[in-house]
Amino acid sequence: MARSKQDVIQIDAGSTASAGSNTDGMLLAGIVLPSAMTGSTITIQFASSPGGWVDIKETDGSALSFTVSTGDLIRVDPSGFAFGSAGFLRVVSGSTEAANRKIILIYRES
């Protein structure tokens, strides 16, 4: 059975970016959003160690972006995150958040 984990990260009120989440060698498989978000989209950033964040882009050069659906689970194709299994991910809201927002990242082994 594949190993999995959930990591709760937070975007603080007045900010757009969450703290980093250590992938622990696993692939991102889902994002659970809180019941309220100010931003209508989120993007994901990567760093090999905390700090030095870079945007994750699709193969066509566009930002990897998800439409916010509050309180829902966003299914993520883990195969697209094979590069990120040795590093950190964080969520960036498209707008400054009006309150603290707790987001759950769901990881699984490849």
N, C-alpha and C. Protein backbone atom coordinates (compact mmCIF):
# COMPACT_ATOMS: atom_id res chain seq x y z
N MET A 1 0.84 -1.17 0.00
CA MET A 1 0.00 0.00 0.00
C MET A 1 0.89 1.24 0.00
N ALA A 2 0.55 2.21 -0.84
CA ALA A 2 1.35 3.42 -0.96
C ALA A 2 1.23 4.29 0.28
N ARG A 3 2.35 4.86 0.66
CA ARG A 3 2.39 5.77 1.80
C ARG A 3 1.81 7.11 1.38
N SER A 4 1.12 7.78 2.30
CA SER A 4 0.57 9.11 2.01
C SER A 4 0.68 9.97 3.26
N LYS A 5 0.47 11.27 3.08
CA LYS A 5 0.45 12.18 4.22
C LYS A 5 -0.38 13.40 3.87
N GLN A 6 -0.82 14.08 4.91
CA GLN A 6 -1.50 15.36 4.76
C GLN A 6 -0.71 16.39 5.53
N ASP A 7 -0.56 17.57 4.96
CA ASP A 7 0.18 18.65 5.61
C ASP A 7 -0.69 19.90 5.59
N VAL A 8 -0.94 20.47 6.78
CA VAL A 8 -1.73 21.70 6.88
C VAL A 8 -0.78 22.88 6.80
N ILE A 9 -1.02 23.76 5.84
CA ILE A 9 -0.24 24.98 5.69
C ILE A 9 -1.19 26.15 5.84
N GLN A 10 -0.64 27.34 6.05
CA GLN A 10 -1.51 28.50 6.25
C GLN A 10 -1.03 29.69 5.45
N ILE A 11 -1.98 30.38 4.84
CA ILE A 11 -1.73 31.71 4.29
C ILE A 11 -2.23 32.68 5.35
N ASP A 12 -1.32 33.50 5.88
CA ASP A 12 -1.70 34.44 6.93
C ASP A 12 -2.53 35.59 6.37
N ALA A 13 -3.38 36.16 7.20
CA ALA A 13 -4.15 37.35 6.82
C ALA A 13 -3.18 38.43 6.36
N GLY A 14 -3.51 39.10 5.26
CA GLY A 14 -2.66 40.15 4.72
C GLY A 14 -1.55 39.64 3.82
N SER A 15 -1.50 38.33 3.58
CA SER A 15 -0.47 37.72 2.74
C SER A 15 -1.10 37.01 1.56
N THR A 16 -0.25 36.61 0.63
CA THR A 16 -0.71 35.80 -0.50
C THR A 16 -0.12 34.40 -0.49
N ALA A 17 1.05 34.22 0.15
CA ALA A 17 1.77 32.94 0.08
C ALA A 17 1.74 32.20 1.42
N SER A 18 1.63 30.90 1.33
CA SER A 18 1.68 30.05 2.53
C SER A 18 3.12 29.80 2.92
N ALA A 19 3.28 29.17 4.06
CA ALA A 19 4.58 28.62 4.45
C ALA A 19 4.85 27.43 3.53
N GLY A 20 6.09 26.96 3.52
CA GLY A 20 6.44 25.81 2.69
C GLY A 20 6.04 24.50 3.33
N SER A 21 5.80 23.52 2.49
CA SER A 21 5.44 22.17 2.91
C SER A 21 6.47 21.21 2.37
N ASN A 22 7.11 20.44 3.26
CA ASN A 22 8.12 19.46 2.85
C ASN A 22 7.41 18.27 2.19
N THR A 23 7.79 17.96 0.96
CA THR A 23 7.15 16.86 0.25
C THR A 23 7.54 15.49 0.81
N ASP A 24 8.64 15.42 1.57
CA ASP A 24 9.11 14.15 2.13
C ASP A 24 9.23 13.05 1.08
N GLY A 25 9.64 13.43 -0.12
CA GLY A 25 9.84 12.45 -1.18
C GLY A 25 8.56 11.96 -1.83
N MET A 26 7.43 12.62 -1.54
CA MET A 26 6.15 12.21 -2.11
C MET A 26 5.65 13.22 -3.14
N LEU A 27 4.62 12.84 -3.86
CA LEU A 27 4.05 13.66 -4.92
C LEU A 27 2.74 14.29 -4.47
N LEU A 28 2.51 15.55 -4.86
CA LEU A 28 1.26 16.22 -4.54
C LEU A 28 0.12 15.54 -5.29
N ALA A 29 -0.94 15.19 -4.56
CA ALA A 29 -2.09 14.51 -5.17
C ALA A 29 -3.40 15.26 -4.98
N GLY A 30 -3.44 16.19 -4.03
CA GLY A 30 -4.68 16.92 -3.81
C GLY A 30 -4.47 18.14 -2.93
N ILE A 31 -5.41 19.08 -3.04
CA ILE A 31 -5.39 20.31 -2.25
C ILE A 31 -6.80 20.50 -1.70
N VAL A 32 -6.91 20.60 -0.37
CA VAL A 32 -8.21 20.85 0.26
C VAL A 32 -8.23 22.32 0.69
N LEU A 33 -9.19 23.05 0.16
CA LEU A 33 -9.30 24.48 0.44
C LEU A 33 -10.23 24.74 1.61
N PRO A 34 -10.02 25.85 2.32
CA PRO A 34 -10.89 26.19 3.44
C PRO A 34 -12.26 26.64 2.96
N SER A 35 -13.16 26.89 3.90
CA SER A 35 -14.53 27.28 3.55
C SER A 35 -14.63 28.71 3.02
N ALA A 36 -13.55 29.48 3.11
CA ALA A 36 -13.54 30.84 2.56
C ALA A 36 -12.14 31.15 2.05
N MET A 37 -12.07 31.80 0.90
CA MET A 37 -10.81 32.29 0.33
C MET A 37 -11.11 33.64 -0.31
N THR A 38 -10.18 34.60 -0.19
CA THR A 38 -10.33 35.89 -0.85
C THR A 38 -9.99 35.75 -2.33
N GLY A 39 -8.87 35.08 -2.62
CA GLY A 39 -8.43 34.90 -4.00
C GLY A 39 -9.32 33.92 -4.74
N SER A 40 -9.45 34.13 -6.05
CA SER A 40 -10.27 33.23 -6.86
C SER A 40 -9.44 32.16 -7.57
N THR A 41 -8.11 32.29 -7.49
CA THR A 41 -7.21 31.28 -8.05
C THR A 41 -6.05 31.06 -7.09
N ILE A 42 -5.40 29.92 -7.22
CA ILE A 42 -4.16 29.65 -6.50
C ILE A 42 -3.14 29.12 -7.50
N THR A 43 -1.87 29.36 -7.20
CA THR A 43 -0.76 28.79 -7.95
C THR A 43 0.13 28.06 -6.95
N ILE A 44 1.03 27.24 -7.46
CA ILE A 44 1.94 26.46 -6.62
C ILE A 44 3.36 26.87 -6.95
N GLN A 45 4.19 27.02 -5.91
CA GLN A 45 5.60 27.32 -6.09
C GLN A 45 6.44 26.19 -5.50
N PHE A 46 7.68 26.07 -6.01
CA PHE A 46 8.62 25.03 -5.60
C PHE A 46 9.93 25.65 -5.12
N ALA A 47 10.57 25.01 -4.15
CA ALA A 47 11.93 25.35 -3.73
C ALA A 47 12.62 24.06 -3.29
N SER A 48 13.90 23.95 -3.59
CA SER A 48 14.63 22.75 -3.17
C SER A 48 14.92 22.78 -1.67
N SER A 49 14.91 23.97 -1.08
CA SER A 49 14.97 24.17 0.37
C SER A 49 14.13 25.41 0.66
N PRO A 50 13.67 25.61 1.87
CA PRO A 50 12.80 26.76 2.13
C PRO A 50 13.45 28.07 1.69
N GLY A 51 12.70 28.86 0.95
CA GLY A 51 13.23 30.09 0.36
C GLY A 51 13.62 29.84 -1.08
N GLY A 52 13.83 30.89 -1.84
CA GLY A 52 14.20 30.73 -3.25
C GLY A 52 13.07 30.15 -4.08
N TRP A 53 11.85 30.54 -3.79
CA TRP A 53 10.66 29.98 -4.45
C TRP A 53 10.62 30.33 -5.92
N VAL A 54 10.19 29.38 -6.74
CA VAL A 54 9.99 29.60 -8.18
C VAL A 54 8.59 29.13 -8.54
N ASP A 55 8.01 29.83 -9.51
CA ASP A 55 6.68 29.43 -10.00
C ASP A 55 6.78 28.12 -10.76
N ILE A 56 5.77 27.30 -10.62
CA ILE A 56 5.67 26.07 -11.40
C ILE A 56 4.89 26.41 -12.66
N LYS A 57 5.44 26.07 -13.81
CA LYS A 57 4.84 26.39 -15.10
C LYS A 57 4.43 25.10 -15.83
N GLU A 58 3.41 25.24 -16.65
CA GLU A 58 3.01 24.17 -17.55
C GLU A 58 4.02 24.10 -18.69
N THR A 59 3.95 23.08 -19.51
CA THR A 59 4.90 22.93 -20.61
C THR A 59 4.77 24.06 -21.65
N ASP A 60 3.63 24.73 -21.69
CA ASP A 60 3.46 25.86 -22.62
C ASP A 60 3.92 27.18 -22.02
N GLY A 61 4.46 27.16 -20.79
CA GLY A 61 4.98 28.36 -20.16
C GLY A 61 3.97 29.11 -19.29
N SER A 62 2.73 28.68 -19.29
CA SER A 62 1.73 29.34 -18.45
C SER A 62 1.84 28.83 -17.02
N ALA A 63 1.43 29.68 -16.08
CA ALA A 63 1.50 29.30 -14.67
C ALA A 63 0.55 28.15 -14.38
N LEU A 64 0.99 27.22 -13.54
CA LEU A 64 0.10 26.17 -13.05
C LEU A 64 -0.87 26.82 -12.09
N SER A 65 -2.13 26.84 -12.45
CA SER A 65 -3.13 27.59 -11.70
C SER A 65 -4.37 26.74 -11.50
N PHE A 66 -5.01 26.91 -10.35
CA PHE A 66 -6.25 26.22 -10.04
C PHE A 66 -7.30 27.24 -9.65
N THR A 67 -8.52 27.05 -10.11
CA THR A 67 -9.63 27.90 -9.70
C THR A 67 -10.07 27.49 -8.31
N VAL A 68 -10.23 28.49 -7.45
CA VAL A 68 -10.62 28.23 -6.07
C VAL A 68 -12.08 27.82 -6.00
N SER A 69 -12.34 26.72 -5.34
CA SER A 69 -13.69 26.25 -5.05
C SER A 69 -13.69 25.96 -3.55
N THR A 70 -14.14 26.93 -2.77
CA THR A 70 -13.97 26.87 -1.32
C THR A 70 -14.60 25.62 -0.73
N GLY A 71 -13.87 25.04 0.20
CA GLY A 71 -14.33 23.85 0.91
C GLY A 71 -14.23 22.57 0.11
N ASP A 72 -13.67 22.63 -1.08
CA ASP A 72 -13.60 21.45 -1.94
C ASP A 72 -12.18 20.90 -2.01
N LEU A 73 -12.08 19.71 -2.54
CA LEU A 73 -10.81 19.05 -2.79
C LEU A 73 -10.47 19.22 -4.27
N ILE A 74 -9.28 19.74 -4.54
CA ILE A 74 -8.80 19.85 -5.92
C ILE A 74 -7.95 18.61 -6.18
N ARG A 75 -8.33 17.82 -7.17
CA ARG A 75 -7.54 16.64 -7.54
C ARG A 75 -6.37 17.12 -8.39
N VAL A 76 -5.19 16.67 -8.03
CA VAL A 76 -3.97 17.05 -8.74
C VAL A 76 -3.36 15.78 -9.32
N ASP A 77 -2.93 15.82 -10.58
CA ASP A 77 -2.27 14.67 -11.20
C ASP A 77 -0.86 14.56 -10.62
N PRO A 78 -0.59 13.56 -9.79
CA PRO A 78 0.73 13.46 -9.15
C PRO A 78 1.89 13.36 -10.13
N SER A 79 1.65 12.82 -11.32
CA SER A 79 2.76 12.65 -12.27
C SER A 79 3.35 13.99 -12.68
N GLY A 80 2.58 15.05 -12.59
CA GLY A 80 3.08 16.38 -12.92
C GLY A 80 3.99 16.97 -11.85
N PHE A 81 4.11 16.29 -10.72
CA PHE A 81 4.92 16.81 -9.62
C PHE A 81 6.12 15.93 -9.31
N ALA A 82 6.52 15.07 -10.25
CA ALA A 82 7.66 14.19 -10.01
C ALA A 82 8.92 14.98 -9.68
N PHE A 83 9.10 16.15 -10.28
CA PHE A 83 10.25 17.00 -10.00
C PHE A 83 10.26 17.49 -8.55
N GLY A 84 9.09 17.66 -7.97
CA GLY A 84 8.97 18.27 -6.66
C GLY A 84 9.02 17.31 -5.50
N SER A 85 9.32 16.05 -5.77
CA SER A 85 9.30 15.08 -4.67
C SER A 85 10.51 15.21 -3.76
N ALA A 86 11.45 16.06 -4.10
CA ALA A 86 12.61 16.30 -3.24
C ALA A 86 12.71 17.80 -3.01
N GLY A 87 11.78 18.32 -2.22
CA GLY A 87 11.81 19.75 -1.97
C GLY A 87 10.59 20.20 -1.21
N PHE A 88 10.19 21.43 -1.46
CA PHE A 88 9.11 22.08 -0.73
C PHE A 88 8.14 22.72 -1.72
N LEU A 89 6.87 22.69 -1.37
CA LEU A 89 5.82 23.36 -2.16
C LEU A 89 5.12 24.37 -1.28
N ARG A 90 4.62 25.43 -1.90
CA ARG A 90 3.75 26.36 -1.18
C ARG A 90 2.65 26.82 -2.12
N VAL A 91 1.57 27.29 -1.52
CA VAL A 91 0.40 27.76 -2.26
C VAL A 91 0.42 29.28 -2.24
N VAL A 92 0.11 29.89 -3.39
CA VAL A 92 0.03 31.33 -3.51
C VAL A 92 -1.37 31.70 -3.99
N SER A 93 -2.04 32.55 -3.22
CA SER A 93 -3.38 33.01 -3.58
C SER A 93 -3.28 34.14 -4.60
N GLY A 94 -4.27 34.23 -5.47
CA GLY A 94 -4.32 35.30 -6.46
C GLY A 94 -4.63 36.66 -5.86
N SER A 95 -5.03 36.71 -4.60
CA SER A 95 -5.34 37.97 -3.91
C SER A 95 -4.84 37.88 -2.47
N THR A 96 -4.60 39.04 -1.88
CA THR A 96 -4.23 39.09 -0.46
C THR A 96 -5.40 38.55 0.35
N GLU A 97 -5.10 37.60 1.22
CA GLU A 97 -6.16 36.96 2.01
C GLU A 97 -6.60 37.87 3.17
N ALA A 98 -7.91 37.95 3.37
CA ALA A 98 -8.49 38.82 4.39
C ALA A 98 -8.39 38.22 5.79
N ALA A 99 -8.17 36.91 5.88
CA ALA A 99 -8.06 36.22 7.17
C ALA A 99 -7.09 35.06 7.00
N ASN A 100 -6.67 34.45 8.10
CA ASN A 100 -5.81 33.27 8.01
C ASN A 100 -6.56 32.16 7.29
N ARG A 101 -5.89 31.49 6.34
CA ARG A 101 -6.51 30.40 5.57
C ARG A 101 -5.68 29.14 5.72
N LYS A 102 -6.27 28.10 6.28
CA LYS A 102 -5.60 26.81 6.41
C LYS A 102 -5.94 25.95 5.19
N ILE A 103 -4.92 25.43 4.56
CA ILE A 103 -5.03 24.62 3.35
C ILE A 103 -4.35 23.29 3.62
N ILE A 104 -4.96 22.21 3.19
CA ILE A 104 -4.38 20.88 3.38
C ILE A 104 -3.81 20.39 2.05
N LEU A 105 -2.54 20.03 2.06
CA LEU A 105 -1.91 19.41 0.90
C LEU A 105 -1.87 17.91 1.15
N ILE A 106 -2.30 17.14 0.17
CA ILE A 106 -2.32 15.68 0.27
C ILE A 106 -1.24 15.14 -0.65
N TYR A 107 -0.36 14.32 -0.10
CA TYR A 107 0.75 13.72 -0.84
C TYR A 107 0.61 12.20 -0.85
N ARG A 108 1.22 11.59 -1.86
CA ARG A 108 1.29 10.12 -1.89
C ARG A 108 2.60 9.71 -2.54
N GLU A 109 3.02 8.49 -2.25
CA GLU A 109 4.21 7.94 -2.90
C GLU A 109 3.93 7.70 -4.37
N SER A 110 5.01 7.75 -5.17
CA SER A 110 4.81 7.48 -6.60
C SER A 110 4.69 6.00 -6.87
